[in-house]
PDB file of all heavy atoms in Angstrom:
ATOM      1  N   GLN A   1       1.345 -61.561 -92.338  1.00  0.00           N
ATOM      2  CA  GLN A   1       1.217 -60.499 -91.313  1.00  0.00           C
ATOM      3  C   GLN A   1       2.572 -59.786 -91.194  1.00  0.00           C
ATOM      4  O   GLN A   1       2.636 -58.518 -91.062  1.00  0.00           O
ATOM      5  CB  GLN A   1       0.821 -61.059 -90.021  1.00  0.00           C
ATOM      6  CG  GLN A   1      -0.654 -61.495 -89.972  1.00  0.00           C
ATOM      7  CD  GLN A   1      -1.040 -62.050 -88.598  1.00  0.00           C
ATOM      8  OE1 GLN A   1      -0.235 -62.654 -87.885  1.00  0.00           O
ATOM      9  NE2 GLN A   1      -2.253 -61.787 -88.157  1.00  0.00           N
ATOM     10  N   MET A   2       3.696 -60.470 -91.233  1.00  0.00           N
ATOM     11  CA  MET A   2       4.996 -59.888 -91.104  1.00  0.00           C
ATOM     12  C   MET A   2       5.357 -59.000 -92.290  1.00  0.00           C
ATOM     13  O   MET A   2       6.065 -58.037 -92.164  1.00  0.00           O
ATOM     14  CB  MET A   2       6.064 -60.989 -90.943  1.00  0.00           C
ATOM     15  CG  MET A   2       6.015 -61.661 -89.572  1.00  0.00           C
ATOM     16  SD  MET A   2       7.420 -62.822 -89.334  1.00  0.00           S
ATOM     17  CE  MET A   2       6.897 -64.211 -90.312  1.00  0.00           C
ATOM     18  N   LEU A   3       4.835 -59.342 -93.459  1.00  0.00           N
ATOM     19  CA  LEU A   3       5.113 -58.527 -94.661  1.00  0.00           C
ATOM     20  C   LEU A   3       4.500 -57.184 -94.642  1.00  0.00           C
ATOM     21  O   LEU A   3       4.999 -56.203 -95.214  1.00  0.00           O
ATOM     22  CB  LEU A   3       4.673 -59.255 -95.919  1.00  0.00           C
ATOM     23  CG  LEU A   3       5.487 -60.485 -96.359  1.00  0.00           C
ATOM     24  CD1 LEU A   3       4.816 -61.187 -97.528  1.00  0.00           C
ATOM     25  CD2 LEU A   3       6.921 -60.042 -96.760  1.00  0.00           C
ATOM     26  N   GLY A   4       3.342 -57.061 -93.948  1.00  0.00           N
ATOM     27  CA  GLY A   4       2.661 -55.766 -93.854  1.00  0.00           C
ATOM     28  C   GLY A   4       2.198 -55.192 -95.157  1.00  0.00           C
ATOM     29  O   GLY A   4       2.315 -53.995 -95.391  1.00  0.00           O
ATOM     30  N   LEU A   5       1.597 -56.010 -95.972  1.00  0.00           N
ATOM     31  CA  LEU A   5       1.163 -55.554 -97.311  1.00  0.00           C
ATOM     32  C   LEU A   5      -0.086 -54.700 -97.177  1.00  0.00           C
ATOM     33  O   LEU A   5      -0.949 -54.984 -96.410  1.00  0.00           O
ATOM     34  CB  LEU A   5       0.902 -56.739 -98.250  1.00  0.00           C
ATOM     35  CG  LEU A   5       2.080 -57.673 -98.513  1.00  0.00           C
ATOM     36  CD1 LEU A   5       1.603 -58.773 -99.503  1.00  0.00           C
ATOM     37  CD2 LEU A   5       3.194 -56.896 -99.130  1.00  0.00           C
ATOM     38  N   ILE A   6      -0.118 -53.638 -97.964  1.00  0.00           N
ATOM     39  CA  ILE A   6      -1.222 -52.683 -97.895  1.00  0.00           C
ATOM     40  C   ILE A   6      -2.524 -53.279 -98.356  1.00  0.00           C
ATOM     41  O   ILE A   6      -3.601 -53.043 -97.777  1.00  0.00           O
ATOM     42  CB  ILE A   6      -0.923 -51.455 -98.752  1.00  0.00           C
ATOM     43  CG1 ILE A   6       0.408 -50.764 -98.280  1.00  0.00           C
ATOM     44  CG2 ILE A   6      -2.076 -50.422 -98.736  1.00  0.00           C
ATOM     45  CD1 ILE A   6       0.953 -49.770 -99.270  1.00  0.00           C
ATOM     46  N   THR A   7      -2.472 -54.079 -99.432  1.00  0.00           N
ATOM     47  CA  THR A   7      -3.686 -54.596-100.033  1.00  0.00           C
ATOM     48  C   THR A   7      -4.286 -55.788 -99.317  1.00  0.00           C
ATOM     49  O   THR A   7      -5.252 -56.368 -99.802  1.00  0.00           O
ATOM     50  CB  THR A   7      -3.564 -54.885-101.542  1.00  0.00           C
ATOM     51  OG1 THR A   7      -2.527 -55.896-101.679  1.00  0.00           O
ATOM     52  CG2 THR A   7      -3.113 -53.670-102.295  1.00  0.00           C
ATOM     53  N   THR A   8      -3.751 -56.118 -98.155  1.00  0.00           N
ATOM     54  CA  THR A   8      -4.434 -57.110 -97.294  1.00  0.00           C
ATOM     55  C   THR A   8      -5.497 -56.414 -96.422  1.00  0.00           C
ATOM     56  O   THR A   8      -6.367 -57.062 -95.882  1.00  0.00           O
ATOM     57  CB  THR A   8      -3.449 -57.829 -96.363  1.00  0.00           C
ATOM     58  OG1 THR A   8      -2.792 -56.847 -95.536  1.00  0.00           O
ATOM     59  CG2 THR A   8      -2.387 -58.637 -97.088  1.00  0.00           C
ATOM     60  N   LYS A   9      -5.369 -55.107 -96.343  1.00  0.00           N
ATOM     61  CA  LYS A   9      -6.310 -54.317 -95.521  1.00  0.00           C
ATOM     62  C   LYS A   9      -7.680 -54.192 -96.203  1.00  0.00           C
ATOM     63  O   LYS A   9      -7.736 -53.937 -97.409  1.00  0.00           O
ATOM     64  CB  LYS A   9      -5.739 -52.941 -95.185  1.00  0.00           C
ATOM     65  CG  LYS A   9      -4.329 -53.037 -94.540  1.00  0.00           C
ATOM     66  CD  LYS A   9      -3.779 -51.655 -94.289  1.00  0.00           C
ATOM     67  CE  LYS A   9      -2.294 -51.784 -93.886  1.00  0.00           C
ATOM     68  NZ  LYS A   9      -2.097 -52.515 -92.590  1.00  0.00           N
ATOM     69  N   PRO A  10      -8.751 -54.176 -95.411  1.00  0.00           N
ATOM     70  CA  PRO A  10     -10.111 -53.945 -95.998  1.00  0.00           C
ATOM     71  C   PRO A  10     -10.238 -52.473 -96.414  1.00  0.00           C
ATOM     72  O   PRO A  10      -9.562 -51.552 -95.872  1.00  0.00           O
ATOM     73  CB  PRO A  10     -11.056 -54.250 -94.839  1.00  0.00           C
ATOM     74  CG  PRO A  10     -10.238 -54.093 -93.615  1.00  0.00           C
ATOM     75  CD  PRO A  10      -8.847 -54.440 -93.974  1.00  0.00           C
ATOM     76  N   VAL A  11     -11.028 -52.216 -97.431  1.00  0.00           N
ATOM     77  CA  VAL A  11     -11.234 -50.879 -97.987  1.00  0.00           C
ATOM     78  C   VAL A  11     -12.693 -50.453 -97.803  1.00  0.00           C
ATOM     79  O   VAL A  11     -13.616 -51.230 -98.042  1.00  0.00           O
ATOM     80  CB  VAL A  11     -10.910 -50.788 -99.458  1.00  0.00           C
ATOM     81  CG1 VAL A  11     -11.124 -49.375-100.036  1.00  0.00           C
ATOM     82  CG2 VAL A  11      -9.444 -51.211 -99.698  1.00  0.00           C
ATOM     83  N   LEU A  12     -12.850 -49.268 -97.314  1.00  0.00           N
ATOM     84  CA  LEU A  12     -14.243 -48.684 -97.116  1.00  0.00           C
ATOM     85  C   LEU A  12     -14.274 -47.426 -98.064  1.00  0.00           C
ATOM     86  O   LEU A  12     -13.344 -46.643 -98.106  1.00  0.00           O
ATOM     87  CB  LEU A  12     -14.473 -48.295 -95.686  1.00  0.00           C
ATOM     88  CG  LEU A  12     -15.848 -47.746 -95.293  1.00  0.00           C
ATOM     89  CD1 LEU A  12     -16.108 -48.060 -93.830  1.00  0.00           C
ATOM     90  CD2 LEU A  12     -16.010 -46.286 -95.515  1.00  0.00           C
ATOM     91  N   TYR A  13     -15.354 -47.326 -98.811  1.00  0.00           N
ATOM     92  CA  TYR A  13     -15.516 -46.223 -99.813  1.00  0.00           C
ATOM     93  C   TYR A  13     -16.327 -45.127 -99.280  1.00  0.00           C
ATOM     94  O   TYR A  13     -17.490 -45.344 -98.878  1.00  0.00           O
ATOM     95  CB  TYR A  13     -16.061 -46.780-101.096  1.00  0.00           C
ATOM     96  CG  TYR A  13     -15.186 -47.899-101.719  1.00  0.00           C
ATOM     97  CD1 TYR A  13     -15.492 -49.249-101.519  1.00  0.00           C
ATOM     98  CD2 TYR A  13     -13.993 -47.573-102.386  1.00  0.00           C
ATOM     99  CE1 TYR A  13     -14.679 -50.236-102.014  1.00  0.00           C
ATOM    100  CE2 TYR A  13     -13.235 -48.608-102.937  1.00  0.00           C
ATOM    101  CZ  TYR A  13     -13.549 -49.909-102.739  1.00  0.00           C
ATOM    102  OH  TYR A  13     -12.747 -50.905-103.242  1.00  0.00           O
ATOM    103  N   LEU A  14     -15.780 -43.863 -99.268  1.00  0.00           N
ATOM    104  CA  LEU A  14     -16.552 -42.695 -98.967  1.00  0.00           C
ATOM    105  C   LEU A  14     -16.897 -42.036-100.269  1.00  0.00           C
ATOM    106  O   LEU A  14     -15.976 -41.456-100.928  1.00  0.00           O
ATOM    107  CB  LEU A  14     -15.765 -41.764 -98.061  1.00  0.00           C
ATOM    108  CG  LEU A  14     -15.682 -42.031 -96.566  1.00  0.00           C
ATOM    109  CD1 LEU A  14     -14.923 -40.908 -95.846  1.00  0.00           C
ATOM    110  CD2 LEU A  14     -17.070 -42.158 -95.968  1.00  0.00           C
ATOM    111  N   ALA A  15     -18.195 -42.039-100.640  1.00  0.00           N
ATOM    112  CA  ALA A  15     -18.566 -41.374-101.911  1.00  0.00           C
ATOM    113  C   ALA A  15     -18.868 -39.895-101.631  1.00  0.00           C
ATOM    114  O   ALA A  15     -19.872 -39.601-100.890  1.00  0.00           O
ATOM    115  CB  ALA A  15     -19.787 -42.099-102.450  1.00  0.00           C
ATOM    116  N   ASN A  16     -18.059 -39.028-102.074  1.00  0.00           N
ATOM    117  CA  ASN A  16     -18.233 -37.582-101.866  1.00  0.00           C
ATOM    118  C   ASN A  16     -19.242 -37.043-102.871  1.00  0.00           C
ATOM    119  O   ASN A  16     -18.930 -36.954-104.016  1.00  0.00           O
ATOM    120  CB  ASN A  16     -16.864 -36.864-101.983  1.00  0.00           C
ATOM    121  CG  ASN A  16     -16.984 -35.403-101.529  1.00  0.00           C
ATOM    122  OD1 ASN A  16     -17.987 -34.980-100.974  1.00  0.00           O
ATOM    123  ND2 ASN A  16     -15.919 -34.634-101.784  1.00  0.00           N
ATOM    124  N   VAL A  17     -20.451 -36.811-102.411  1.00  0.00           N
ATOM    125  CA  VAL A  17     -21.597 -36.520-103.282  1.00  0.00           C
ATOM    126  C   VAL A  17     -21.966 -35.084-103.339  1.00  0.00           C
ATOM    127  O   VAL A  17     -21.460 -34.254-102.556  1.00  0.00           O
ATOM    128  CB  VAL A  17     -22.794 -37.374-102.819  1.00  0.00           C
ATOM    129  CG1 VAL A  17     -22.536 -38.842-102.943  1.00  0.00           C
ATOM    130  CG2 VAL A  17     -23.231 -36.979-101.422  1.00  0.00           C
ATOM    131  N   GLU A  18     -22.850 -34.725-104.297  1.00  0.00           N
ATOM    132  CA  GLU A  18     -23.412 -33.335-104.407  1.00  0.00           C
ATOM    133  C   GLU A  18     -24.231 -33.091-103.160  1.00  0.00           C
ATOM    134  O   GLU A  18     -24.770 -34.036-102.504  1.00  0.00           O
ATOM    135  CB  GLU A  18     -24.334 -33.258-105.603  1.00  0.00           C
ATOM    136  CG  GLU A  18     -23.674 -33.673-106.896  1.00  0.00           C
ATOM    137  CD  GLU A  18     -23.020 -32.550-107.673  1.00  0.00           C
ATOM    138  OE1 GLU A  18     -22.990 -31.437-107.062  1.00  0.00           O
ATOM    139  OE2 GLU A  18     -22.553 -32.768-108.793  1.00  0.00           O
ATOM    140  N   ASP A  19     -24.466 -31.826-102.787  1.00  0.00           N
ATOM    141  CA  ASP A  19     -25.278 -31.515-101.643  1.00  0.00           C
ATOM    142  C   ASP A  19     -26.744 -31.829-101.879  1.00  0.00           C
ATOM    143  O   ASP A  19     -27.533 -31.803-100.942  1.00  0.00           O
ATOM    144  CB  ASP A  19     -25.062 -30.073-101.169  1.00  0.00           C
ATOM    145  CG  ASP A  19     -25.308 -29.038-102.246  1.00  0.00           C
ATOM    146  OD1 ASP A  19     -25.764 -29.436-103.324  1.00  0.00           O
ATOM    147  OD2 ASP A  19     -25.020 -27.846-101.983  1.00  0.00           O
ATOM    148  N   SER A  20     -27.084 -32.066-103.169  1.00  0.00           N
ATOM    149  CA  SER A  20     -28.449 -32.423-103.473  1.00  0.00           C
ATOM    150  C   SER A  20     -28.688 -33.915-103.394  1.00  0.00           C
ATOM    151  O   SER A  20     -29.785 -34.429-103.661  1.00  0.00           O
ATOM    152  CB  SER A  20     -28.818 -31.930-104.878  1.00  0.00           C
ATOM    153  OG  SER A  20     -27.937 -32.452-105.887  1.00  0.00           O
ATOM    154  N   ASP A  21     -27.598 -34.678-103.067  1.00  0.00           N
ATOM    155  CA  ASP A  21     -27.695 -36.136-103.056  1.00  0.00           C
ATOM    156  C   ASP A  21     -27.049 -36.687-101.805  1.00  0.00           C
ATOM    157  O   ASP A  21     -26.186 -37.505-101.892  1.00  0.00           O
ATOM    158  CB  ASP A  21     -27.000 -36.691-104.354  1.00  0.00           C
ATOM    159  CG  ASP A  21     -27.206 -38.212-104.451  1.00  0.00           C
ATOM    160  OD1 ASP A  21     -28.211 -38.735-104.017  1.00  0.00           O
ATOM    161  OD2 ASP A  21     -26.246 -38.845-104.974  1.00  0.00           O
ATOM    162  N   VAL A  22     -27.409 -36.149-100.611  1.00  0.00           N
ATOM    163  CA  VAL A  22     -26.698 -36.479 -99.416  1.00  0.00           C
ATOM    164  C   VAL A  22     -26.811 -37.960 -99.007  1.00  0.00           C
ATOM    165  O   VAL A  22     -25.960 -38.467 -98.299  1.00  0.00           O
ATOM    166  CB  VAL A  22     -27.217 -35.622 -98.190  1.00  0.00           C
ATOM    167  CG1 VAL A  22     -26.831 -34.135 -98.400  1.00  0.00           C
ATOM    168  CG2 VAL A  22     -28.731 -35.772 -98.072  1.00  0.00           C
ATOM    169  N   ASN A  23     -27.816 -38.638 -99.467  1.00  0.00           N
ATOM    170  CA  ASN A  23     -27.963 -40.050 -99.193  1.00  0.00           C
ATOM    171  C   ASN A  23     -27.428 -40.969-100.254  1.00  0.00           C
ATOM    172  O   ASN A  23     -27.628 -42.185-100.202  1.00  0.00           O
ATOM    173  CB  ASN A  23     -29.431 -40.376 -98.843  1.00  0.00           C
ATOM    174  CG  ASN A  23     -29.928 -39.755 -97.548  1.00  0.00           C
ATOM    175  OD1 ASN A  23     -29.266 -39.795 -96.532  1.00  0.00           O
ATOM    176  ND2 ASN A  23     -31.030 -39.004 -97.627  1.00  0.00           N
ATOM    177  N   GLY A  24     -26.783 -40.403-101.284  1.00  0.00           N
ATOM    178  CA  GLY A  24     -26.082 -41.196-102.240  1.00  0.00           C
ATOM    179  C   GLY A  24     -26.942 -42.061-103.160  1.00  0.00           C
ATOM    180  O   GLY A  24     -26.682 -43.192-103.418  1.00  0.00           O
ATOM    181  N   ARG A  25     -28.017 -41.419-103.644  1.00  0.00           N
ATOM    182  CA  ARG A  25     -28.980 -42.139-104.522  1.00  0.00           C
ATOM    183  C   ARG A  25     -28.700 -41.855-106.018  1.00  0.00           C
ATOM    184  O   ARG A  25     -29.312 -42.447-106.879  1.00  0.00           O
ATOM    185  CB  ARG A  25     -30.409 -41.785-104.208  1.00  0.00           C
ATOM    186  CG  ARG A  25     -30.861 -42.146-102.729  1.00  0.00           C
ATOM    187  CD  ARG A  25     -30.579 -43.591-102.454  1.00  0.00           C
ATOM    188  NE  ARG A  25     -30.883 -43.891-101.028  1.00  0.00           N
ATOM    189  CZ  ARG A  25     -30.562 -45.002-100.482  1.00  0.00           C
ATOM    190  NH1 ARG A  25     -29.930 -45.939-101.189  1.00  0.00           N
ATOM    191  NH2 ARG A  25     -30.887 -45.180 -99.171  1.00  0.00           N
ATOM    192  N   GLY A  26     -27.813 -40.874-106.244  1.00  0.00           N
ATOM    193  CA  GLY A  26     -27.492 -40.547-107.654  1.00  0.00           C
ATOM    194  C   GLY A  26     -26.741 -41.601-108.396  1.00  0.00           C
ATOM    195  O   GLY A  26     -26.172 -42.546-107.771  1.00  0.00           O
ATOM    196  N   GLU A  27     -26.606 -41.500-109.697  1.00  0.00           N
ATOM    197  CA  GLU A  27     -25.989 -42.587-110.522  1.00  0.00           C
ATOM    198  C   GLU A  27     -24.525 -42.812-110.147  1.00  0.00           C
ATOM    199  O   GLU A  27     -24.093 -43.987-110.096  1.00  0.00           O
ATOM    200  CB  GLU A  27     -26.127 -42.155-111.976  1.00  0.00           C
ATOM    201  CG  GLU A  27     -25.668 -43.257-112.966  1.00  0.00           C
ATOM    202  CD  GLU A  27     -24.205 -43.113-113.398  1.00  0.00           C
ATOM    203  OE1 GLU A  27     -23.711 -41.978-113.334  1.00  0.00           O
ATOM    204  OE2 GLU A  27     -23.628 -44.117-113.816  1.00  0.00           O
ATOM    205  N   LEU A  28     -23.757 -41.755-109.895  1.00  0.00           N
ATOM    206  CA  LEU A  28     -22.324 -41.947-109.604  1.00  0.00           C
ATOM    207  C   LEU A  28     -22.150 -42.671-108.319  1.00  0.00           C
ATOM    208  O   LEU A  28     -21.380 -43.610-108.139  1.00  0.00           O
ATOM    209  CB  LEU A  28     -21.636 -40.624-109.567  1.00  0.00           C
ATOM    210  CG  LEU A  28     -21.523 -39.830-110.914  1.00  0.00           C
ATOM    211  CD1 LEU A  28     -20.910 -38.450-110.723  1.00  0.00           C
ATOM    212  CD2 LEU A  28     -20.691 -40.657-111.906  1.00  0.00           C
ATOM    213  N   ALA A  29     -22.917 -42.262-107.243  1.00  0.00           N
ATOM    214  CA  ALA A  29     -22.840 -42.886-105.933  1.00  0.00           C
ATOM    215  C   ALA A  29     -23.300 -44.323-106.004  1.00  0.00           C
ATOM    216  O   ALA A  29     -22.747 -45.197-105.334  1.00  0.00           O
ATOM    217  CB  ALA A  29     -23.601 -42.119-104.902  1.00  0.00           C
ATOM    218  N   GLN A  30     -24.308 -44.554-106.784  1.00  0.00           N
ATOM    219  CA  GLN A  30     -24.853 -45.965-106.932  1.00  0.00           C
ATOM    220  C   GLN A  30     -23.805 -46.893-107.508  1.00  0.00           C
ATOM    221  O   GLN A  30     -23.680 -48.032-107.105  1.00  0.00           O
ATOM    222  CB  GLN A  30     -26.145 -45.962-107.793  1.00  0.00           C
ATOM    223  CG  GLN A  30     -27.385 -45.567-107.083  1.00  0.00           C
ATOM    224  CD  GLN A  30     -27.748 -46.597-106.055  1.00  0.00           C
ATOM    225  OE1 GLN A  30     -27.815 -46.285-104.871  1.00  0.00           O
ATOM    226  NE2 GLN A  30     -28.102 -47.766-106.485  1.00  0.00           N
ATOM    227  N   ARG A  31     -23.008 -46.401-108.429  1.00  0.00           N
ATOM    228  CA  ARG A  31     -21.916 -47.195-109.042  1.00  0.00           C
ATOM    229  C   ARG A  31     -20.930 -47.617-107.923  1.00  0.00           C
ATOM    230  O   ARG A  31     -20.449 -48.756-107.930  1.00  0.00           O
ATOM    231  CB  ARG A  31     -21.265 -46.433-110.161  1.00  0.00           C
ATOM    232  CG  ARG A  31     -22.166 -46.322-111.403  1.00  0.00           C
ATOM    233  CD  ARG A  31     -21.532 -45.387-112.406  1.00  0.00           C
ATOM    234  NE  ARG A  31     -20.245 -45.920-112.868  1.00  0.00           N
ATOM    235  CZ  ARG A  31     -19.416 -45.213-113.702  1.00  0.00           C
ATOM    236  NH1 ARG A  31     -19.705 -43.994-114.021  1.00  0.00           N
ATOM    237  NH2 ARG A  31     -18.320 -45.788-114.096  1.00  0.00           N
ATOM    238  N   VAL A  32     -20.597 -46.720-107.052  1.00  0.00           N
ATOM    239  CA  VAL A  32     -19.679 -47.040-105.943  1.00  0.00           C
ATOM    240  C   VAL A  32     -20.286 -48.000-104.959  1.00  0.00           C
ATOM    241  O   VAL A  32     -19.639 -48.942-104.574  1.00  0.00           O
ATOM    242  CB  VAL A  32     -19.257 -45.697-105.239  1.00  0.00           C
ATOM    243  CG1 VAL A  32     -18.312 -46.026-104.031  1.00  0.00           C
ATOM    244  CG2 VAL A  32     -18.604 -44.750-106.163  1.00  0.00           C
ATOM    245  N   ARG A  33     -21.595 -47.805-104.668  1.00  0.00           N
ATOM    246  CA  ARG A  33     -22.312 -48.721-103.782  1.00  0.00           C
ATOM    247  C   ARG A  33     -22.256 -50.147-104.342  1.00  0.00           C
ATOM    248  O   ARG A  33     -22.002 -51.130-103.658  1.00  0.00           O
ATOM    249  CB  ARG A  33     -23.743 -48.229-103.550  1.00  0.00           C
ATOM    250  CG  ARG A  33     -24.507 -49.090-102.572  1.00  0.00           C
ATOM    251  CD  ARG A  33     -25.935 -48.565-102.301  1.00  0.00           C
ATOM    252  NE  ARG A  33     -25.915 -47.423-101.393  1.00  0.00           N
ATOM    253  CZ  ARG A  33     -26.094 -46.161-101.762  1.00  0.00           C
ATOM    254  NH1 ARG A  33     -26.332 -45.885-103.087  1.00  0.00           N
ATOM    255  NH2 ARG A  33     -26.075 -45.147-100.926  1.00  0.00           N
ATOM    256  N   GLU A  34     -22.591 -50.269-105.629  1.00  0.00           N
ATOM    257  CA  GLU A  34     -22.610 -51.570-106.308  1.00  0.00           C
ATOM    258  C   GLU A  34     -21.247 -52.208-106.260  1.00  0.00           C
ATOM    259  O   GLU A  34     -21.092 -53.436-106.092  1.00  0.00           O
ATOM    260  CB  GLU A  34     -23.165 -51.461-107.709  1.00  0.00           C
ATOM    261  CG  GLU A  34     -24.688 -51.086-107.759  1.00  0.00           C
ATOM    262  CD  GLU A  34     -25.090 -50.632-109.103  1.00  0.00           C
ATOM    263  OE1 GLU A  34     -24.238 -50.648-110.073  1.00  0.00           O
ATOM    264  OE2 GLU A  34     -26.316 -50.286-109.276  1.00  0.00           O
ATOM    265  N   HIS A  35     -20.190 -51.413-106.516  1.00  0.00           N
ATOM    266  CA  HIS A  35     -18.814 -51.919-106.506  1.00  0.00           C
ATOM    267  C   HIS A  35     -18.509 -52.460-105.094  1.00  0.00           C
ATOM    268  O   HIS A  35     -17.912 -53.545-104.975  1.00  0.00           O
ATOM    269  CB  HIS A  35     -17.803 -50.832-106.904  1.00  0.00           C
ATOM    270  CG  HIS A  35     -16.410 -51.239-106.753  1.00  0.00           C
ATOM    271  ND1 HIS A  35     -15.721 -52.011-107.654  1.00  0.00           N
ATOM    272  CD2 HIS A  35     -15.502 -51.059-105.691  1.00  0.00           C
ATOM    273  CE1 HIS A  35     -14.488 -52.270-107.255  1.00  0.00           C
ATOM    274  NE2 HIS A  35     -14.331 -51.677-106.068  1.00  0.00           N
ATOM    275  N   ALA A  36     -18.828 -51.666-104.074  1.00  0.00           N
ATOM    276  CA  ALA A  36     -18.576 -52.070-102.664  1.00  0.00           C
ATOM    277  C   ALA A  36     -19.276 -53.365-102.386  1.00  0.00           C
ATOM    278  O   ALA A  36     -18.696 -54.260-101.746  1.00  0.00           O
ATOM    279  CB  ALA A  36     -19.006 -50.984-101.713  1.00  0.00           C
TER     280      ALA A  36
END
């Protein structure tokens, strides 16, 4: 805690998608979802 390392923090991914894929069902967004 005293070291304050950045990679101890949790990461949340915002997938910036096409306007035709607002719910993130496309192949690129799916890859991010699976990684998360």
